C-alpha atoms as a PDB file:
ATOM      1  CA  MET A   1      22.186  39.415  -2.887  1.00  0.00           C
ATOM      2  CA  SER A   2      20.515  38.287   0.329  1.00  0.00           C
ATOM      3  CA  SER A   3      16.780  37.218   0.277  1.00  0.00           C
ATOM      4  CA  VAL A   4      16.483  38.385   3.846  1.00  0.00           C
ATOM      5  CA  ARG A   5      15.090  41.933   4.160  1.00  0.00           C
ATOM      6  CA  ARG A   6      16.849  44.161   6.698  1.00  0.00           C
ATOM      7  CA  CYS A   7      15.598  46.838   9.126  1.00  0.00           C
ATOM      8  CA  SER A   8      15.096  50.287   7.332  1.00  0.00           C
ATOM      9  CA  ARG A   9      16.511  52.189  10.342  1.00  0.00           C
ATOM     10  CA  THR A  10      19.897  53.761   9.624  1.00  0.00           C
ATOM     11  CA  ALA A  11      22.841  51.606  10.798  1.00  0.00           C
ATOM     12  CA  CYS A  12      20.691  48.660  11.783  1.00  0.00           C
ATOM     13  CA  GLY A  13      21.500  45.441   9.900  1.00  0.00           C
ATOM     14  CA  ARG A  14      19.186  43.150  11.925  1.00  0.00           C
ATOM     15  CA  PRO A  15      16.504  41.129   9.911  1.00  0.00           C
ATOM     16  CA  ALA A  16      13.100  42.738   9.479  1.00  0.00           C
ATOM     17  CA  VAL A  17      10.122  41.205  11.134  1.00  0.00           C
ATOM     18  CA  ALA A  18       7.391  43.928  10.778  1.00  0.00           C
ATOM     19  CA  THR A  19       6.296  46.468   8.170  1.00  0.00           C
ATOM     20  CA  LEU A  20       5.391  50.081   9.097  1.00  0.00           C
ATOM     21  CA  THR A  21       3.054  52.134   6.937  1.00  0.00           C
ATOM     22  CA  TYR A  22       1.326  55.481   7.423  1.00  0.00           C
ATOM     23  CA  VAL A  23      -2.152  56.695   6.672  1.00  0.00           C
ATOM     24  CA  TYR A  24      -1.464  60.522   6.706  1.00  0.00           C
ATOM     25  CA  ALA A  25      -5.125  61.566   6.218  1.00  0.00           C
ATOM     26  CA  ASP A  26      -5.947  59.654   9.502  1.00  0.00           C
ATOM     27  CA  SER A  27      -2.814  60.442  11.436  1.00  0.00           C
ATOM     28  CA  THR A  28      -2.322  56.669  11.909  1.00  0.00           C
ATOM     29  CA  ALA A  29       0.847  54.592  11.782  1.00  0.00           C
ATOM     30  CA  VAL A  30       0.082  50.903  11.136  1.00  0.00           C
ATOM     31  CA  LEU A  31       2.716  48.312  12.236  1.00  0.00           C
ATOM     32  CA  GLY A  32       1.926  44.804  11.042  1.00  0.00           C
ATOM     33  CA  PRO A  33       3.548  41.544  10.106  1.00  0.00           C
ATOM     34  CA  LEU A  34       6.370  41.628   7.430  1.00  0.00           C
ATOM     35  CA  ALA A  35       4.777  42.409   4.053  1.00  0.00           C
ATOM     36  CA  THR A  36       5.305  39.943   1.322  1.00  0.00           C
ATOM     37  CA  TYR A  37       7.173  42.539  -0.845  1.00  0.00           C
ATOM     38  CA  ALA A  38       9.159  45.517   0.003  1.00  0.00           C
ATOM     39  CA  GLU A  39       7.125  48.675  -0.885  1.00  0.00           C
ATOM     40  CA  PRO A  40       8.787  52.043  -1.566  1.00  0.00           C
ATOM     41  CA  HIS A  41       6.629  53.940   0.944  1.00  0.00           C
ATOM     42  CA  CYS A  42       6.735  51.409   3.774  1.00  0.00           C
ATOM     43  CA  TYR A  43       9.400  50.613   6.298  1.00  0.00           C
ATOM     44  CA  ASP A  44      10.594  47.178   7.344  1.00  0.00           C
ATOM     45  CA  LEU A  45      11.578  47.170  11.100  1.00  0.00           C
ATOM     46  CA  CYS A  46      13.590  44.573  13.183  1.00  0.00           C
ATOM     47  CA  ALA A  47      11.997  43.372  16.355  1.00  0.00           C
ATOM     48  CA  GLU A  48      13.643  45.976  18.571  1.00  0.00           C
ATOM     49  CA  HIS A  49      12.767  48.876  16.569  1.00  0.00           C
ATOM     50  CA  ALA A  50       9.115  47.671  15.951  1.00  0.00           C
ATOM     51  CA  ALA A  51       8.801  47.255  19.899  1.00  0.00           C
ATOM     52  CA  ARG A  52      10.095  50.772  20.467  1.00  0.00           C
ATOM     53  CA  LEU A  53       8.085  52.484  17.745  1.00  0.00           C
ATOM     54  CA  THR A  54       6.435  55.752  18.741  1.00  0.00           C
ATOM     55  CA  ALA A  55       4.407  58.110  16.732  1.00  0.00           C
ATOM     56  CA  PRO A  56       4.171  61.912  16.694  1.00  0.00           C
ATOM     57  CA  ARG A  57       1.840  63.612  19.289  1.00  0.00           C
ATOM     58  CA  GLY A  58      -1.705  63.338  17.941  1.00  0.00           C
ATOM     59  CA  TRP A  59      -1.028  60.244  15.899  1.00  0.00           C
ATOM     60  CA  GLU A  60      -2.294  56.688  16.634  1.00  0.00           C
ATOM     61  CA  VAL A  61      -0.351  53.681  16.401  1.00  0.00           C
ATOM     62  CA  VAL A  62      -2.153  50.486  15.326  1.00  0.00           C
ATOM     63  CA  ARG A  63      -0.255  47.278  16.038  1.00  0.00           C
ATOM     64  CA  LEU A  64      -1.457  44.296  14.227  1.00  0.00           C
ATOM     65  CA  ALA A  65      -0.417  40.896  15.555  1.00  0.00           C
ATOM     66  CA  ALA A  66       0.691  38.132  13.196  1.00  0.00           C
ATOM     67  CA  GLU A  67      -1.981  35.450  13.034  1.00  0.00           C
ATOM     68  CA  PRO A  68      -0.866  32.019  14.351  1.00  0.00           C
ATOM     69  CA  GLY A  69      -0.531  29.133  12.030  1.00  0.00           C
ATOM     70  CA  PRO A  70       0.667  29.015   8.469  1.00  0.00           C
ATOM     71  CA  LEU A  71       1.522  32.320   6.901  1.00  0.00           C
ATOM     72  CA  ARG A  72      -0.968  33.291   4.132  1.00  0.00           C
ATOM     73  CA  ARG A  73      -0.145  36.590   2.305  1.00  0.00           C
ATOM     74  CA  SER A  74      -1.382  38.038  -0.803  1.00  0.00           C
ATOM     75  CA  SER A  75       0.642  40.388  -3.010  1.00  0.00           C
ATOM     76  CA  ASP A  76      -1.242  43.484  -1.779  1.00  0.00           C
ATOM     77  CA  ASP A  77      -1.394  43.051   1.982  1.00  0.00           C
ATOM     78  CA  LEU A  78      -0.222  46.482   2.799  1.00  0.00           C
ATOM     79  CA  GLU A  79      -2.623  48.077   0.270  1.00  0.00           C
ATOM     80  CA  ALA A  80      -5.584  46.187   1.710  1.00  0.00           C
ATOM     81  CA  LEU A  81      -4.586  47.160   5.251  1.00  0.00           C
ATOM     82  CA  ALA A  82      -4.378  50.827   4.275  1.00  0.00           C
ATOM     83  CA  ASN A  83      -7.712  50.745   2.480  1.00  0.00           C
ATOM     84  CA  ALA A  84      -9.284  49.116   5.466  1.00  0.00           C
ATOM     85  CA  VAL A  85      -8.016  51.878   7.775  1.00  0.00           C
ATOM     86  CA  ARG A  86      -9.263  54.560   5.284  1.00  0.00           C
ATOM     87  CA  GLU A  87     -12.719  52.940   5.056  1.00  0.00           C
ATOM     88  CA  ALA A  88     -12.957  52.776   8.848  1.00  0.00           C
ATOM     89  CA  ALA A  89     -12.111  56.431   9.097  1.00  0.00           C
ATOM     90  CA  ARG A  90     -14.589  57.549   6.482  1.00  0.00           C
ATOM     91  CA  PRO A  91     -17.402  59.583   7.968  1.00  0.00           C
ATOM     92  CA  GLN A  92     -20.712  57.722   8.127  1.00  0.00           C
ATOM     93  CA  THR A  93     -23.924  59.396   7.130  1.00  0.00           C
ATOM     94  CA  PRO A  94     -26.404  59.058   9.989  1.00  0.00           C
ATOM     95  CA  ARG A  95     -29.634  57.184   9.229  1.00  0.00           C
ATOM     96  CA  GLN A  96     -32.444  59.595   9.359  1.00  0.00           C
ATOM     97  CA  GLY A  97     -35.584  58.515  11.248  1.00  0.00           C
ATOM     98  CA  ARG A  98     -34.482  54.761  11.410  1.00  0.00           C
ATOM     99  CA  GLY A  99     -33.111  52.764  14.229  1.00  0.00           C
ATOM    100  CA  PRO A 100     -30.419  50.249  14.021  1.00  0.00           C
ATOM    101  CA  ASP A 101     -30.753  47.525  11.471  1.00  0.00           C
ATOM    102  CA  PRO A 102     -31.436  44.277  13.399  1.00  0.00           C
ATOM    103  CA  ASP A 103     -29.853  42.256  10.642  1.00  0.00           C
ATOM    104  CA  SER A 104     -26.682  44.345  10.647  1.00  0.00           C
ATOM    105  CA  THR A 105     -23.496  42.834  11.989  1.00  0.00           C
ATOM    106  CA  GLU A 106     -22.319  46.266  13.049  1.00  0.00           C
ATOM    107  CA  GLY A 107     -22.736  46.762  16.865  1.00  0.00           C
ATOM    108  CA  GLY A 108     -21.507  50.232  17.382  1.00  0.00           C
ATOM    109  CA  ARG A 109     -19.077  52.945  16.495  1.00  0.00           C
ATOM    110  CA  ARG A 110     -16.330  54.792  18.447  1.00  0.00           C
ATOM    111  CA  GLY A 111     -14.192  57.261  16.767  1.00  0.00           C
ATOM    112  CA  HIS A 112     -13.070  55.854  13.473  1.00  0.00           C
ATOM    113  CA  LEU A 113     -13.312  52.144  14.576  1.00  0.00           C
ATOM    114  CA  ARG A 114     -16.356  49.862  14.287  1.00  0.00           C
ATOM    115  CA  VAL A 115     -17.417  47.115  16.607  1.00  0.00           C
ATOM    116  CA  LEU A 116     -18.715  44.103  14.729  1.00  0.00           C
ATOM    117  CA  ARG A 117     -21.012  41.590  16.242  1.00  0.00           C
ATOM    118  CA  SER A 118     -20.143  37.853  15.803  1.00  0.00           C
ATOM    119  CA  PRO A 119     -22.288  36.201  13.072  1.00  0.00           C
ATOM    120  CA  ASP A 120     -23.249  33.568  15.724  1.00  0.00           C
ATOM    121  CA  ASN A 121     -25.166  35.939  17.830  1.00  0.00           C
END
């Protein structure tokens, strides 16, 4: 048995380089670096299919670039990624009668994404 994972697309035998997962509640497809382990609800894609990926109308595609340098993966990379997308999409309760917290690292919100200030600022 080969240790190289193959593209999940039918009739494609090229080696997988990226993993695709979906967050159905947020209508988001997340394409990131190849996951450490093959997961049953995720799809491994070759470079060609990853580059040509499109999502249904109304869906957002989030493409995560691989970090340069040595590869450091944990056993639950995809689960952590899906949880981060869910957390970012969770509705925030507005602060009533209070302005922005000056000690907060959160700089603003647009849609379901947050802008974080650098800790150096």
